[in-house]
Amino acid sequence: MKDLLGEFIERQEAMANEIENRFKEYFRAAVVPPVGASGPAPGGNGVVAIEIASPGCSADDVLARIRLLPRGPGLYVIMTTCDIPGRDVCTFAVRDSDVKAIYRGHSSNVGDRIMSHLTNTAYMAMCDAIPSKKPWGGFIKIAEGVGDGGIDITSVPYTTGKWTVVVFPMEGSSEPLRRLAEEGFSLAFGTPVRSIKEPKNRRGKRSKIPSASPTGM
């Protein structure tokens, strides 16, 4: 049994590496549409790029734009012009925009997850008002410290910049597959500075090689 398990683990690792590299190739070649403020722009092969906040936007405007984001599973990238230390470590960019990637993640419900990260107070109030809704955890942290993170981009100091979210829809994907997509994105562009860092031994916890892929891949 020991030899058999060793063989399966080796195959699993090789397959995971192949999937990550395929994702890397996909992200490098992906067409990201021009950023739109009123909804998904055409021409992105399923990819969505929406400016959800800019100086002068009201809180209602920001929430309305977040509601334009896909509600299904996918990989997302949070980008901003705010002066976040280390924001140049990730080279991912969108056309005709000066926003920088500071966070990449995945979710089974991207729109809901973005609300939890960037309008955290409104998100937690929504969860409190719906007893059956269990809130996400592990929100974006701009500054190191205690707590679960989460920010409000409608409040100072985050109102001075533009905030954009790029979404790569992954309809039908499993969580393990989306984690591999995250790794592929990091291989392609580097890991955005405020992203949650995966433990080095994460592969030892894989139970299976998942299926399905981003829309348009």
N, C-alpha and C. Protein backbone atom coordinates (compact mmCIF):
# COMPACT_ATOMS: atom_id res chain seq x y z
N MET A 1 0.82 -1.21 0.00
CA MET A 1 0.00 0.00 0.00
C MET A 1 0.86 1.27 0.00
N LYS A 2 1.96 1.26 0.76
CA LYS A 2 2.82 2.44 0.85
C LYS A 2 3.34 2.84 -0.52
N ASP A 3 3.80 1.85 -1.29
CA ASP A 3 4.32 2.14 -2.63
C ASP A 3 3.22 2.66 -3.54
N LEU A 4 2.03 2.07 -3.43
CA LEU A 4 0.91 2.49 -4.27
C LEU A 4 0.52 3.93 -3.95
N LEU A 5 0.43 4.26 -2.65
CA LEU A 5 0.09 5.63 -2.26
C LEU A 5 1.15 6.61 -2.75
N GLY A 6 2.41 6.21 -2.65
CA GLY A 6 3.49 7.07 -3.13
C GLY A 6 3.36 7.36 -4.62
N GLU A 7 2.98 6.33 -5.39
CA GLU A 7 2.79 6.52 -6.82
C GLU A 7 1.63 7.47 -7.11
N PHE A 8 0.51 7.28 -6.39
CA PHE A 8 -0.66 8.13 -6.61
C PHE A 8 -0.37 9.59 -6.22
N ILE A 9 0.34 9.76 -5.11
CA ILE A 9 0.69 11.12 -4.68
C ILE A 9 1.58 11.80 -5.72
N GLU A 10 2.50 11.05 -6.27
CA GLU A 10 3.39 11.61 -7.29
C GLU A 10 2.61 12.00 -8.55
N ARG A 11 1.67 11.16 -8.95
CA ARG A 11 0.84 11.47 -10.11
C ARG A 11 -0.04 12.70 -9.86
N GLN A 12 -0.59 12.74 -8.64
CA GLN A 12 -1.45 13.85 -8.28
C GLN A 12 -0.67 15.16 -8.32
N GLU A 13 0.54 15.14 -7.80
CA GLU A 13 1.37 16.33 -7.80
C GLU A 13 1.70 16.76 -9.23
N ALA A 14 2.01 15.80 -10.07
CA ALA A 14 2.33 16.13 -11.46
C ALA A 14 1.12 16.73 -12.17
N MET A 15 -0.06 16.17 -11.92
CA MET A 15 -1.28 16.69 -12.53
C MET A 15 -1.58 18.10 -12.03
N ALA A 16 -1.40 18.32 -10.72
CA ALA A 16 -1.64 19.65 -10.17
C ALA A 16 -0.70 20.67 -10.79
N ASN A 17 0.56 20.31 -10.95
CA ASN A 17 1.52 21.22 -11.58
C ASN A 17 1.12 21.53 -13.02
N GLU A 18 0.65 20.52 -13.73
CA GLU A 18 0.22 20.74 -15.11
C GLU A 18 -0.97 21.69 -15.17
N ILE A 19 -1.94 21.50 -14.26
CA ILE A 19 -3.12 22.37 -14.24
C ILE A 19 -2.71 23.81 -13.93
N GLU A 20 -1.84 23.99 -12.94
CA GLU A 20 -1.39 25.34 -12.60
C GLU A 20 -0.71 26.01 -13.80
N ASN A 21 0.11 25.26 -14.52
CA ASN A 21 0.79 25.83 -15.68
C ASN A 21 -0.17 26.14 -16.82
N ARG A 22 -1.21 25.32 -16.97
CA ARG A 22 -2.23 25.61 -17.97
C ARG A 22 -2.97 26.90 -17.62
N PHE A 23 -3.29 27.05 -16.34
CA PHE A 23 -3.92 28.29 -15.90
C PHE A 23 -2.98 29.48 -16.14
N LYS A 24 -1.70 29.31 -15.86
CA LYS A 24 -0.74 30.39 -16.10
C LYS A 24 -0.78 30.83 -17.56
N GLU A 25 -0.78 29.88 -18.47
CA GLU A 25 -0.84 30.20 -19.90
C GLU A 25 -2.15 30.90 -20.24
N TYR A 26 -3.24 30.41 -19.65
CA TYR A 26 -4.55 31.02 -19.92
C TYR A 26 -4.57 32.48 -19.48
N PHE A 27 -4.13 32.75 -18.25
CA PHE A 27 -4.19 34.12 -17.72
C PHE A 27 -3.29 35.06 -18.52
N ARG A 28 -2.13 34.57 -18.94
CA ARG A 28 -1.23 35.43 -19.71
C ARG A 28 -1.83 35.81 -21.06
N ALA A 29 -2.63 34.91 -21.62
CA ALA A 29 -3.22 35.16 -22.94
C ALA A 29 -4.62 35.76 -22.86
N ALA A 30 -5.21 35.82 -21.67
CA ALA A 30 -6.60 36.26 -21.54
C ALA A 30 -6.78 37.70 -21.99
N VAL A 31 -7.89 37.96 -22.65
CA VAL A 31 -8.25 39.32 -23.07
C VAL A 31 -9.13 39.93 -21.99
N VAL A 32 -8.62 40.95 -21.33
CA VAL A 32 -9.39 41.66 -20.32
C VAL A 32 -10.00 42.89 -20.98
N PRO A 33 -11.32 43.03 -20.95
CA PRO A 33 -11.97 44.16 -21.63
C PRO A 33 -11.67 45.48 -20.95
N PRO A 34 -11.89 46.60 -21.65
CA PRO A 34 -11.74 47.90 -20.98
C PRO A 34 -12.65 47.97 -19.76
N VAL A 35 -12.18 48.67 -18.76
CA VAL A 35 -12.93 48.78 -17.52
C VAL A 35 -14.21 49.58 -17.75
N GLY A 36 -15.35 49.03 -17.28
CA GLY A 36 -16.62 49.73 -17.39
C GLY A 36 -17.16 50.07 -16.01
N ALA A 37 -17.86 51.20 -15.92
CA ALA A 37 -18.45 51.61 -14.64
C ALA A 37 -19.92 51.26 -14.55
N SER A 38 -20.53 50.86 -15.67
CA SER A 38 -21.97 50.62 -15.66
C SER A 38 -22.32 49.18 -16.00
N GLY A 39 -21.34 48.32 -16.04
CA GLY A 39 -21.62 46.92 -16.33
C GLY A 39 -20.48 46.28 -17.10
N PRO A 40 -20.54 44.96 -17.30
CA PRO A 40 -19.49 44.26 -18.01
C PRO A 40 -19.32 44.79 -19.44
N ALA A 41 -18.07 45.03 -19.82
CA ALA A 41 -17.79 45.49 -21.17
C ALA A 41 -17.67 44.28 -22.10
N PRO A 42 -18.05 44.43 -23.37
CA PRO A 42 -17.96 43.31 -24.30
C PRO A 42 -16.51 43.04 -24.73
N GLY A 43 -16.28 41.87 -25.28
CA GLY A 43 -15.00 41.57 -25.89
C GLY A 43 -13.99 40.91 -24.99
N GLY A 44 -14.38 40.51 -23.80
CA GLY A 44 -13.43 39.94 -22.87
C GLY A 44 -13.48 38.44 -22.76
N ASN A 45 -14.16 37.77 -23.67
CA ASN A 45 -14.23 36.31 -23.67
C ASN A 45 -14.72 35.79 -22.32
N GLY A 46 -15.73 36.46 -21.77
CA GLY A 46 -16.28 36.06 -20.48
C GLY A 46 -15.70 36.80 -19.30
N VAL A 47 -14.55 37.44 -19.47
CA VAL A 47 -13.91 38.19 -18.39
C VAL A 47 -14.66 39.50 -18.16
N VAL A 48 -14.82 39.87 -16.90
CA VAL A 48 -15.55 41.08 -16.52
C VAL A 48 -14.60 42.03 -15.80
N ALA A 49 -14.63 43.30 -16.17
CA ALA A 49 -13.83 44.32 -15.48
C ALA A 49 -14.73 45.51 -15.19
N ILE A 50 -14.95 45.80 -13.92
CA ILE A 50 -15.86 46.87 -13.53
C ILE A 50 -15.19 47.79 -12.51
N GLU A 51 -15.25 49.08 -12.78
CA GLU A 51 -14.80 50.07 -11.80
C GLU A 51 -15.93 50.24 -10.79
N ILE A 52 -15.68 49.83 -9.57
CA ILE A 52 -16.75 49.85 -8.57
C ILE A 52 -16.72 51.10 -7.70
N ALA A 53 -15.62 51.84 -7.75
CA ALA A 53 -15.55 53.07 -6.95
C ALA A 53 -14.51 54.01 -7.54
N SER A 54 -14.78 55.30 -7.41
CA SER A 54 -13.86 56.35 -7.80
C SER A 54 -14.14 57.56 -6.92
N PRO A 55 -13.23 58.51 -6.84
CA PRO A 55 -13.46 59.68 -5.97
C PRO A 55 -14.80 60.35 -6.29
N GLY A 56 -15.59 60.58 -5.25
CA GLY A 56 -16.89 61.21 -5.43
C GLY A 56 -18.05 60.25 -5.49
N CYS A 57 -17.79 58.95 -5.61
CA CYS A 57 -18.86 57.96 -5.64
C CYS A 57 -19.55 57.88 -4.28
N SER A 58 -20.86 57.76 -4.30
CA SER A 58 -21.58 57.57 -3.05
C SER A 58 -21.55 56.09 -2.67
N ALA A 59 -21.88 55.81 -1.42
CA ALA A 59 -21.94 54.43 -0.95
C ALA A 59 -22.97 53.63 -1.74
N ASP A 60 -24.10 54.27 -2.07
CA ASP A 60 -25.14 53.59 -2.85
C ASP A 60 -24.63 53.25 -4.24
N ASP A 61 -23.85 54.17 -4.86
CA ASP A 61 -23.28 53.90 -6.17
C ASP A 61 -22.35 52.70 -6.13
N VAL A 62 -21.51 52.63 -5.10
CA VAL A 62 -20.56 51.53 -4.98
C VAL A 62 -21.29 50.20 -4.84
N LEU A 63 -22.29 50.15 -3.99
CA LEU A 63 -23.05 48.90 -3.80
C LEU A 63 -23.77 48.51 -5.08
N ALA A 64 -24.28 49.50 -5.83
CA ALA A 64 -24.96 49.21 -7.08
C ALA A 64 -23.99 48.61 -8.09
N ARG A 65 -22.76 49.12 -8.12
CA ARG A 65 -21.77 48.58 -9.07
C ARG A 65 -21.32 47.18 -8.65
N ILE A 66 -21.19 46.94 -7.36
CA ILE A 66 -20.83 45.61 -6.90
C ILE A 66 -21.90 44.60 -7.31
N ARG A 67 -23.15 45.02 -7.32
CA ARG A 67 -24.24 44.12 -7.72
C ARG A 67 -24.17 43.75 -9.20
N LEU A 68 -23.37 44.47 -9.98
CA LEU A 68 -23.19 44.13 -11.40
C LEU A 68 -22.22 42.97 -11.59
N LEU A 69 -21.45 42.66 -10.56
CA LEU A 69 -20.47 41.58 -10.67
C LEU A 69 -21.16 40.22 -10.74
N PRO A 70 -20.53 39.24 -11.40
CA PRO A 70 -21.10 37.89 -11.46
C PRO A 70 -21.34 37.34 -10.06
N ARG A 71 -22.45 36.63 -9.90
CA ARG A 71 -22.80 36.06 -8.60
C ARG A 71 -22.36 34.60 -8.47
N GLY A 72 -21.81 34.04 -9.54
CA GLY A 72 -21.40 32.65 -9.51
C GLY A 72 -19.93 32.48 -9.14
N PRO A 73 -19.39 31.28 -9.33
CA PRO A 73 -18.00 31.01 -8.95
C PRO A 73 -17.01 31.64 -9.92
N GLY A 74 -15.85 31.96 -9.41
CA GLY A 74 -14.82 32.52 -10.26
C GLY A 74 -13.59 32.95 -9.48
N LEU A 75 -12.59 33.39 -10.23
CA LEU A 75 -11.40 34.00 -9.67
C LEU A 75 -11.53 35.50 -9.87
N TYR A 76 -11.18 36.29 -8.86
CA TYR A 76 -11.32 37.74 -8.95
C TYR A 76 -10.01 38.42 -8.56
N VAL A 77 -9.83 39.63 -9.10
CA VAL A 77 -8.64 40.43 -8.80
C VAL A 77 -9.12 41.81 -8.38
N ILE A 78 -8.71 42.25 -7.19
CA ILE A 78 -9.04 43.58 -6.68
C ILE A 78 -7.88 44.51 -7.02
N MET A 79 -8.21 45.64 -7.65
CA MET A 79 -7.20 46.58 -8.13
C MET A 79 -7.55 47.99 -7.67
N THR A 80 -6.53 48.81 -7.48
CA THR A 80 -6.77 50.17 -6.99
C THR A 80 -5.64 51.11 -7.40
N THR A 81 -5.94 52.41 -7.37
CA THR A 81 -4.90 53.43 -7.53
C THR A 81 -4.42 53.94 -6.19
N CYS A 82 -5.03 53.50 -5.10
CA CYS A 82 -4.59 53.92 -3.77
C CYS A 82 -3.15 53.47 -3.53
N ASP A 83 -2.45 54.23 -2.74
CA ASP A 83 -1.03 53.97 -2.50
C ASP A 83 -0.86 52.88 -1.44
N ILE A 84 -0.98 51.64 -1.90
CA ILE A 84 -0.82 50.48 -1.01
C ILE A 84 0.63 50.00 -1.11
N PRO A 85 1.37 49.96 -0.03
CA PRO A 85 2.76 49.50 -0.10
C PRO A 85 2.88 48.12 -0.74
N GLY A 86 3.78 47.98 -1.70
CA GLY A 86 4.01 46.71 -2.37
C GLY A 86 3.07 46.43 -3.52
N ARG A 87 2.28 47.42 -3.93
CA ARG A 87 1.27 47.15 -4.96
C ARG A 87 1.86 46.89 -6.35
N ASP A 88 3.17 47.09 -6.51
CA ASP A 88 3.80 46.85 -7.81
C ASP A 88 4.35 45.43 -7.96
N VAL A 89 4.20 44.60 -6.93
CA VAL A 89 4.80 43.25 -7.01
C VAL A 89 4.07 42.36 -8.00
N CYS A 90 2.79 42.66 -8.27
CA CYS A 90 2.00 41.90 -9.25
C CYS A 90 1.92 42.71 -10.53
N THR A 91 2.24 42.08 -11.66
CA THR A 91 2.32 42.79 -12.94
C THR A 91 1.02 42.75 -13.73
N PHE A 92 -0.03 42.13 -13.21
CA PHE A 92 -1.31 42.07 -13.92
C PHE A 92 -1.83 43.49 -14.15
N ALA A 93 -2.32 43.76 -15.37
CA ALA A 93 -2.79 45.11 -15.71
C ALA A 93 -4.01 45.02 -16.61
N VAL A 94 -4.79 46.08 -16.65
CA VAL A 94 -5.91 46.19 -17.56
C VAL A 94 -5.67 47.38 -18.48
N ARG A 95 -6.22 47.31 -19.68
CA ARG A 95 -5.99 48.34 -20.69
C ARG A 95 -6.51 49.71 -20.25
N ASP A 96 -5.74 50.73 -20.58
CA ASP A 96 -6.16 52.13 -20.38
C ASP A 96 -6.56 52.41 -18.94
N SER A 97 -5.87 51.82 -18.00
CA SER A 97 -6.18 52.06 -16.59
C SER A 97 -4.89 52.01 -15.79
N ASP A 98 -4.81 52.82 -14.75
CA ASP A 98 -3.61 52.88 -13.91
C ASP A 98 -3.78 52.14 -12.59
N VAL A 99 -4.85 51.33 -12.46
CA VAL A 99 -5.04 50.56 -11.23
C VAL A 99 -4.02 49.43 -11.15
N LYS A 100 -3.66 49.08 -9.91
CA LYS A 100 -2.71 48.00 -9.65
C LYS A 100 -3.40 46.89 -8.86
N ALA A 101 -3.01 45.66 -9.14
CA ALA A 101 -3.60 44.51 -8.44
C ALA A 101 -3.01 44.39 -7.04
N ILE A 102 -3.89 44.33 -6.03
CA ILE A 102 -3.42 44.18 -4.65
C ILE A 102 -3.94 42.89 -4.00
N TYR A 103 -4.90 42.20 -4.65
CA TYR A 103 -5.49 41.01 -4.04
C TYR A 103 -6.08 40.13 -5.14
N ARG A 104 -5.84 38.85 -5.03
CA ARG A 104 -6.53 37.91 -5.90
C ARG A 104 -7.08 36.79 -5.03
N GLY A 105 -8.29 36.35 -5.38
CA GLY A 105 -8.93 35.31 -4.60
C GLY A 105 -9.93 34.56 -5.45
N HIS A 106 -10.64 33.66 -4.83
CA HIS A 106 -11.67 32.91 -5.54
C HIS A 106 -12.88 32.77 -4.64
N SER A 107 -14.01 32.47 -5.22
CA SER A 107 -15.22 32.29 -4.43
C SER A 107 -16.27 31.54 -5.24
N SER A 108 -17.21 30.96 -4.51
CA SER A 108 -18.38 30.36 -5.17
C SER A 108 -19.41 31.42 -5.52
N ASN A 109 -19.27 32.62 -4.95
CA ASN A 109 -20.16 33.75 -5.23
C ASN A 109 -19.31 35.02 -5.22
N VAL A 110 -18.79 35.39 -6.38
CA VAL A 110 -17.82 36.48 -6.46
C VAL A 110 -18.41 37.81 -5.97
N GLY A 111 -19.61 38.17 -6.45
CA GLY A 111 -20.20 39.44 -6.07
C GLY A 111 -20.34 39.59 -4.57
N ASP A 112 -20.84 38.55 -3.92
CA ASP A 112 -21.01 38.55 -2.47
C ASP A 112 -19.66 38.68 -1.77
N ARG A 113 -18.67 37.98 -2.30
CA ARG A 113 -17.33 37.99 -1.68
C ARG A 113 -16.69 39.37 -1.80
N ILE A 114 -16.84 40.02 -2.94
CA ILE A 114 -16.28 41.36 -3.11
C ILE A 114 -16.94 42.34 -2.14
N MET A 115 -18.23 42.23 -1.96
CA MET A 115 -18.92 43.07 -0.98
C MET A 115 -18.32 42.86 0.41
N SER A 116 -18.03 41.62 0.75
CA SER A 116 -17.48 41.33 2.07
C SER A 116 -16.10 41.94 2.26
N HIS A 117 -15.31 41.99 1.20
CA HIS A 117 -13.97 42.55 1.28
C HIS A 117 -13.98 44.08 1.35
N LEU A 118 -14.74 44.70 0.45
CA LEU A 118 -14.57 46.13 0.18
C LEU A 118 -15.65 47.03 0.77
N THR A 119 -16.81 46.49 1.12
CA THR A 119 -17.84 47.26 1.84
C THR A 119 -18.23 46.41 3.05
N ASN A 120 -17.26 46.18 3.89
CA ASN A 120 -17.40 45.18 4.95
C ASN A 120 -18.48 45.54 5.96
N THR A 121 -18.61 46.81 6.29
CA THR A 121 -19.63 47.21 7.27
C THR A 121 -21.03 46.92 6.74
N ALA A 122 -21.28 47.29 5.48
CA ALA A 122 -22.58 47.03 4.88
C ALA A 122 -22.82 45.53 4.75
N TYR A 123 -21.77 44.78 4.44
CA TYR A 123 -21.90 43.33 4.30
C TYR A 123 -22.27 42.69 5.63
N MET A 124 -21.58 43.06 6.71
CA MET A 124 -21.87 42.46 8.01
C MET A 124 -23.27 42.85 8.49
N ALA A 125 -23.70 44.08 8.17
CA ALA A 125 -25.06 44.49 8.53
C ALA A 125 -26.09 43.66 7.78
N MET A 126 -25.81 43.36 6.51
CA MET A 126 -26.71 42.52 5.72
C MET A 126 -26.80 41.12 6.34
N CYS A 127 -25.66 40.57 6.73
CA CYS A 127 -25.66 39.23 7.34
C CYS A 127 -26.41 39.23 8.67
N ASP A 128 -26.27 40.31 9.45
CA ASP A 128 -26.99 40.40 10.72
C ASP A 128 -28.50 40.44 10.51
N ALA A 129 -28.90 41.04 9.38
CA ALA A 129 -30.33 41.18 9.10
C ALA A 129 -30.94 39.90 8.54
N ILE A 130 -30.09 38.96 8.11
CA ILE A 130 -30.56 37.69 7.55
C ILE A 130 -29.97 36.56 8.40
N PRO A 131 -30.69 36.11 9.42
CA PRO A 131 -30.13 35.12 10.35
C PRO A 131 -29.59 33.86 9.68
N SER A 132 -30.17 33.49 8.54
CA SER A 132 -29.73 32.26 7.87
C SER A 132 -28.45 32.45 7.07
N LYS A 133 -28.00 33.70 6.93
CA LYS A 133 -26.82 33.96 6.10
C LYS A 133 -25.56 33.94 6.96
N LYS A 134 -24.70 32.97 6.71
CA LYS A 134 -23.44 32.88 7.43
C LYS A 134 -22.40 33.74 6.73
N PRO A 135 -21.79 34.70 7.42
CA PRO A 135 -20.85 35.60 6.76
C PRO A 135 -19.54 34.90 6.37
N TRP A 136 -18.94 35.41 5.31
CA TRP A 136 -17.61 34.96 4.95
C TRP A 136 -16.65 35.39 6.06
N GLY A 137 -15.47 34.78 6.07
CA GLY A 137 -14.37 35.21 6.92
C GLY A 137 -13.14 35.43 6.06
N GLY A 138 -12.05 35.81 6.69
CA GLY A 138 -10.81 36.00 5.95
C GLY A 138 -10.86 37.13 4.95
N PHE A 139 -11.23 38.33 5.40
CA PHE A 139 -11.36 39.47 4.50
C PHE A 139 -10.00 40.09 4.21
N ILE A 140 -9.97 40.91 3.16
CA ILE A 140 -8.74 41.60 2.78
C ILE A 140 -8.23 42.45 3.95
N LYS A 141 -6.91 42.42 4.13
CA LYS A 141 -6.26 43.27 5.14
C LYS A 141 -5.28 44.19 4.43
N ILE A 142 -5.49 45.49 4.58
CA ILE A 142 -4.57 46.45 3.99
C ILE A 142 -3.38 46.68 4.91
N ALA A 143 -3.62 46.69 6.22
CA ALA A 143 -2.56 46.85 7.22
C ALA A 143 -2.49 45.61 8.08
N GLU A 144 -1.28 45.23 8.46
CA GLU A 144 -1.10 44.08 9.32
C GLU A 144 -1.67 44.38 10.71
N GLY A 145 -2.14 43.34 11.37
CA GLY A 145 -2.66 43.53 12.72
C GLY A 145 -3.69 42.47 13.05
N VAL A 146 -4.28 42.61 14.21
CA VAL A 146 -5.28 41.65 14.66
C VAL A 146 -6.60 41.90 13.95
N GLY A 147 -7.49 40.94 14.06
CA GLY A 147 -8.80 41.10 13.44
C GLY A 147 -8.90 40.32 12.15
N ASP A 148 -10.12 40.28 11.64
CA ASP A 148 -10.40 39.47 10.46
C ASP A 148 -10.28 40.26 9.17
N GLY A 149 -10.00 41.54 9.26
CA GLY A 149 -9.84 42.36 8.05
C GLY A 149 -11.16 42.88 7.53
N GLY A 150 -11.14 43.26 6.24
CA GLY A 150 -12.29 43.88 5.63
C GLY A 150 -12.17 45.39 5.71
N ILE A 151 -12.48 46.09 4.60
CA ILE A 151 -12.38 47.54 4.57
C ILE A 151 -13.66 48.13 4.00
N ASP A 152 -13.79 49.44 4.09
CA ASP A 152 -14.91 50.17 3.50
C ASP A 152 -14.32 51.18 2.53
N ILE A 153 -14.40 50.91 1.25
CA ILE A 153 -13.78 51.81 0.27
C ILE A 153 -14.58 53.09 0.09
N THR A 154 -15.72 53.18 0.78
CA THR A 154 -16.50 54.43 0.75
C THR A 154 -16.10 55.36 1.89
N SER A 155 -15.07 54.97 2.65
CA SER A 155 -14.61 55.78 3.78
C SER A 155 -13.13 56.13 3.60
N VAL A 156 -12.72 57.24 4.20
CA VAL A 156 -11.32 57.65 4.22
C VAL A 156 -10.50 56.55 4.90
N PRO A 157 -9.30 56.19 4.38
CA PRO A 157 -8.54 56.86 3.33
C PRO A 157 -8.75 56.30 1.92
N TYR A 158 -9.72 55.40 1.76
CA TYR A 158 -9.84 54.66 0.50
C TYR A 158 -10.63 55.41 -0.57
N THR A 159 -11.24 56.55 -0.21
CA THR A 159 -12.05 57.31 -1.17
C THR A 159 -11.21 58.14 -2.13
N THR A 160 -9.91 58.20 -1.93
CA THR A 160 -9.07 59.03 -2.78
C THR A 160 -8.68 58.35 -4.09
N GLY A 161 -8.95 57.05 -4.19
CA GLY A 161 -8.52 56.32 -5.38
C GLY A 161 -9.66 55.63 -6.10
N LYS A 162 -9.31 55.03 -7.23
CA LYS A 162 -10.25 54.22 -8.00
C LYS A 162 -10.10 52.75 -7.57
N TRP A 163 -11.21 52.02 -7.61
CA TRP A 163 -11.22 50.60 -7.27
C TRP A 163 -11.89 49.83 -8.40
N THR A 164 -11.19 48.84 -8.88
CA THR A 164 -11.67 48.02 -10.00
C THR A 164 -11.60 46.55 -9.62
N VAL A 165 -12.58 45.78 -10.08
CA VAL A 165 -12.56 44.34 -9.87
C VAL A 165 -12.61 43.65 -11.23
N VAL A 166 -11.71 42.72 -11.45
CA VAL A 166 -11.69 41.89 -12.66
C VAL A 166 -12.09 40.48 -12.25
N VAL A 167 -13.03 39.90 -12.98
CA VAL A 167 -13.54 38.57 -12.64
C VAL A 167 -13.34 37.62 -13.83
N PHE A 168 -12.78 36.46 -13.53
CA PHE A 168 -12.68 35.37 -14.49
C PHE A 168 -13.71 34.32 -14.07
N PRO A 169 -14.88 34.29 -14.71
CA PRO A 169 -15.91 33.33 -14.29
C PRO A 169 -15.43 31.89 -14.44
N MET A 170 -15.81 31.04 -13.49
CA MET A 170 -15.43 29.62 -13.50
C MET A 170 -16.65 28.77 -13.19
N GLU A 171 -17.66 28.89 -14.01
CA GLU A 171 -18.92 28.16 -13.81
C GLU A 171 -18.66 26.66 -13.74
N GLY A 172 -19.22 26.02 -12.71
CA GLY A 172 -19.09 24.57 -12.56
C GLY A 172 -17.80 24.13 -11.88
N SER A 173 -16.97 25.08 -11.44
CA SER A 173 -15.68 24.72 -10.85
C SER A 173 -15.83 24.32 -9.38
N SER A 174 -14.87 23.55 -8.91
CA SER A 174 -14.79 23.18 -7.50
C SER A 174 -13.80 24.10 -6.79
N GLU A 175 -13.85 24.11 -5.47
CA GLU A 175 -12.90 24.93 -4.72
C GLU A 175 -11.44 24.52 -4.97
N PRO A 176 -11.11 23.22 -5.00
CA PRO A 176 -9.72 22.86 -5.29
C PRO A 176 -9.25 23.37 -6.66
N LEU A 177 -10.12 23.35 -7.65
CA LEU A 177 -9.72 23.84 -8.97
C LEU A 177 -9.47 25.35 -8.93
N ARG A 178 -10.32 26.07 -8.21
CA ARG A 178 -10.12 27.52 -8.13
C ARG A 178 -8.83 27.85 -7.38
N ARG A 179 -8.46 27.04 -6.42
CA ARG A 179 -7.18 27.25 -5.74
C ARG A 179 -6.01 27.06 -6.71
N LEU A 180 -6.12 26.10 -7.59
CA LEU A 180 -5.08 25.91 -8.60
C LEU A 180 -5.05 27.09 -9.57
N ALA A 181 -6.23 27.64 -9.86
CA ALA A 181 -6.29 28.83 -10.71
C ALA A 181 -5.56 29.99 -10.04
N GLU A 182 -5.75 30.15 -8.73
CA GLU A 182 -5.03 31.19 -8.00
C GLU A 182 -3.52 31.02 -8.16
N GLU A 183 -3.05 29.79 -8.03
CA GLU A 183 -1.63 29.54 -8.18
C GLU A 183 -1.16 29.84 -9.60
N GLY A 184 -1.99 29.47 -10.59
CA GLY A 184 -1.64 29.78 -11.97
C GLY A 184 -1.54 31.27 -12.22
N PHE A 185 -2.46 32.04 -11.62
CA PHE A 185 -2.42 33.50 -11.74
C PHE A 185 -1.11 34.04 -11.15
N SER A 186 -0.74 33.54 -9.98
CA SER A 186 0.49 33.99 -9.34
C SER A 186 1.72 33.62 -10.16
N LEU A 187 1.70 32.46 -10.78
CA LEU A 187 2.81 32.08 -11.66
C LEU A 187 2.93 33.03 -12.85
N ALA A 188 1.79 33.50 -13.33
CA ALA A 188 1.77 34.37 -14.51
C ALA A 188 2.21 35.79 -14.18
N PHE A 189 1.79 36.32 -13.03
CA PHE A 189 1.97 37.75 -12.77
C PHE A 189 2.62 38.07 -11.42
N GLY A 190 2.81 37.08 -10.56
CA GLY A 190 3.21 37.34 -9.18
C GLY A 190 1.97 37.45 -8.30
N THR A 191 2.14 37.22 -7.02
CA THR A 191 1.01 37.26 -6.08
C THR A 191 0.77 38.69 -5.60
N PRO A 192 -0.43 39.23 -5.80
CA PRO A 192 -0.72 40.58 -5.30
C PRO A 192 -0.43 40.70 -3.80
N VAL A 193 0.03 41.86 -3.40
CA VAL A 193 0.65 42.05 -2.09
C VAL A 193 -0.25 41.71 -0.91
N ARG A 194 -1.57 41.96 -1.01
CA ARG A 194 -2.44 41.72 0.14
C ARG A 194 -3.20 40.41 0.03
N SER A 195 -2.83 39.56 -0.89
CA SER A 195 -3.49 38.26 -1.03
C SER A 195 -3.17 37.36 0.15
N ILE A 196 -4.11 36.48 0.46
CA ILE A 196 -3.88 35.48 1.49
C ILE A 196 -2.85 34.50 0.96
N LYS A 197 -1.82 34.27 1.74
CA LYS A 197 -0.75 33.36 1.33
C LYS A 197 -1.11 31.93 1.69
N GLU A 198 -1.03 31.04 0.68
CA GLU A 198 -1.30 29.62 0.94
C GLU A 198 -0.09 28.98 1.63
N PRO A 199 -0.31 28.05 2.56
CA PRO A 199 0.81 27.36 3.18
C PRO A 199 1.59 26.55 2.17
N LYS A 200 2.90 26.42 2.39
CA LYS A 200 3.76 25.73 1.44
C LYS A 200 3.38 24.27 1.26
N ASN A 201 2.79 23.65 2.30
CA ASN A 201 2.45 22.22 2.23
C ASN A 201 1.02 21.99 1.79
N ARG A 202 0.38 22.99 1.14
CA ARG A 202 -1.03 22.88 0.79
C ARG A 202 -1.30 21.67 -0.09
N ARG A 203 -0.32 21.28 -0.93
CA ARG A 203 -0.57 20.19 -1.86
C ARG A 203 -0.73 18.86 -1.15
N GLY A 204 -0.15 18.74 0.03
CA GLY A 204 -0.29 17.51 0.76
C GLY A 204 -1.71 17.26 1.23
N LYS A 205 -2.56 18.30 1.16
CA LYS A 205 -3.93 18.17 1.63
C LYS A 205 -4.92 17.94 0.49
N ARG A 206 -4.44 17.85 -0.75
CA ARG A 206 -5.35 17.64 -1.86
C ARG A 206 -5.97 16.25 -1.79
N SER A 207 -7.26 16.18 -1.98
CA SER A 207 -7.93 14.88 -1.94
C SER A 207 -8.23 14.36 -3.33
N LYS A 208 -8.25 15.27 -4.31
CA LYS A 208 -8.53 14.83 -5.67
C LYS A 208 -8.14 15.92 -6.66
N ILE A 209 -7.99 15.55 -7.89
CA ILE A 209 -7.73 16.52 -8.94
C ILE A 209 -9.08 16.95 -9.50
N PRO A 210 -9.43 18.23 -9.37
CA PRO A 210 -10.76 18.70 -9.77
C PRO A 210 -10.91 18.85 -11.26
N SER A 211 -12.15 19.08 -11.69
CA SER A 211 -12.44 19.27 -13.10
C SER A 211 -13.10 20.61 -13.31
N ALA A 212 -13.34 20.95 -14.57
CA ALA A 212 -13.94 22.21 -15.02
C ALA A 212 -12.90 23.30 -15.09
N SER A 213 -13.20 24.37 -15.83
CA SER A 213 -12.23 25.42 -16.09
C SER A 213 -12.92 26.75 -16.29
N PRO A 214 -12.14 27.87 -16.33
CA PRO A 214 -12.78 29.16 -16.53
C PRO A 214 -13.56 29.22 -17.83
N THR A 215 -14.61 30.03 -17.83
CA THR A 215 -15.38 30.25 -19.05
C THR A 215 -14.46 30.78 -20.13
N GLY A 216 -14.49 30.17 -21.28
CA GLY A 216 -13.69 30.64 -22.40
C GLY A 216 -12.30 30.05 -22.46
N MET A 217 -11.89 29.25 -21.47
CA MET A 217 -10.55 28.69 -21.50
C MET A 217 -10.45 27.58 -22.54
